Every structure is written in structure tokens, then in C-alpha cells.
Amino acid sequence: MARMSDELLSVLRCPVTGSTLVQEGNELRTTAPGPDGVPLRYAIDGGIALLLRPEQLAP
């Protein structure tokens, strides 16, 4: 698992909530709850943050 730089994390924002993101393993988690009341999670694939909801990603 590659750690994303603090500089990159400081500019990335959740496209749904607009909140900052923190890295947890191979995912980014929002610092604010999403529409259903829980933080949203986004995958990191090959060092690239996939800032799309899972249902928006092609299988």
C-alpha cells in the first residue's frame, strides 16, 4: 500500500460532501458524513484515488 502525500491529501475533496479526505489503508474516507449519515469511502487503485461511488465504477 502506497501512502498518498500529505500535499495531495490537502487538496483532494469528496465530490459528494466537499469534505477533506483521510487515507485508511487502500481507501480514502471522508471527514464528514455522506447523505446516509456515514462517511463515504473511495478506493485507491495503483496510487490513483477513484473519487467515484462504487456504483459509478464499471465492473
Protein backbone atom coordinates (compact mmCIF):
# COMPACT_ATOMS: atom_id res chain seq x y z
CA MET A 1 0.00 0.00 0.00
CA ALA A 2 1.43 3.34 -1.07
CA ARG A 3 0.80 6.31 1.16
CA MET A 4 -0.59 9.37 -0.62
CA SER A 5 1.35 12.53 0.10
CA ASP A 6 0.05 14.98 2.66
CA GLU A 7 0.25 17.68 -0.01
CA LEU A 8 -2.11 15.76 -2.30
CA LEU A 9 -4.49 14.91 0.52
CA SER A 10 -4.64 18.59 1.48
CA VAL A 11 -6.18 19.50 -1.90
CA LEU A 12 -8.40 16.47 -2.54
CA ARG A 13 -12.07 16.83 -1.59
CA CYS A 14 -15.01 14.46 -1.62
CA PRO A 15 -17.15 15.16 -4.71
CA VAL A 16 -20.32 14.49 -2.71
CA THR A 17 -19.76 16.22 0.65
CA GLY A 18 -16.91 18.59 -0.22
CA SER A 19 -15.09 17.43 2.92
CA THR A 20 -11.42 16.61 3.24
CA LEU A 21 -10.27 13.01 2.87
CA VAL A 22 -8.03 10.85 5.05
CA GLN A 23 -6.28 7.69 3.94
CA GLU A 24 -7.14 4.43 5.67
CA GLY A 25 -5.27 1.56 4.04
CA ASN A 26 -6.17 1.43 0.34
CA GLU A 27 -9.14 3.76 0.74
CA LEU A 28 -9.89 7.41 1.31
CA ARG A 29 -12.57 8.26 3.89
CA THR A 30 -14.48 11.50 4.15
CA THR A 31 -14.23 13.57 7.31
CA ALA A 32 -17.94 14.45 7.08
CA PRO A 33 -20.87 12.05 6.85
CA GLY A 34 -22.44 11.34 3.49
CA PRO A 35 -26.16 11.56 2.66
CA ASP A 36 -26.92 8.37 4.60
CA GLY A 37 -25.13 9.61 7.75
CA VAL A 38 -21.92 7.58 7.47
CA PRO A 39 -18.57 8.63 5.99
CA LEU A 40 -18.07 7.81 2.31
CA ARG A 41 -15.14 5.67 1.17
CA TYR A 42 -13.25 5.79 -2.10
CA ALA A 43 -10.79 3.20 -3.41
CA ILE A 44 -7.16 3.91 -4.28
CA ASP A 45 -6.03 1.87 -7.28
CA GLY A 46 -2.37 1.95 -8.31
CA GLY A 47 -1.83 5.16 -6.35
CA ILE A 48 -4.80 6.87 -8.05
CA ALA A 49 -7.79 7.94 -5.98
CA LEU A 50 -11.03 6.78 -7.61
CA LEU A 51 -13.36 9.55 -6.50
CA LEU A 52 -16.45 7.82 -7.80
CA ARG A 53 -19.08 5.96 -5.84
CA PRO A 54 -18.79 2.15 -6.28
CA GLU A 55 -22.00 2.07 -8.33
CA GLN A 56 -20.44 4.54 -10.79
CA LEU A 57 -17.40 2.35 -11.48
CA ALA A 58 -17.60 -0.08 -14.40
CA PRO A 59 -17.36 -3.74 -13.29
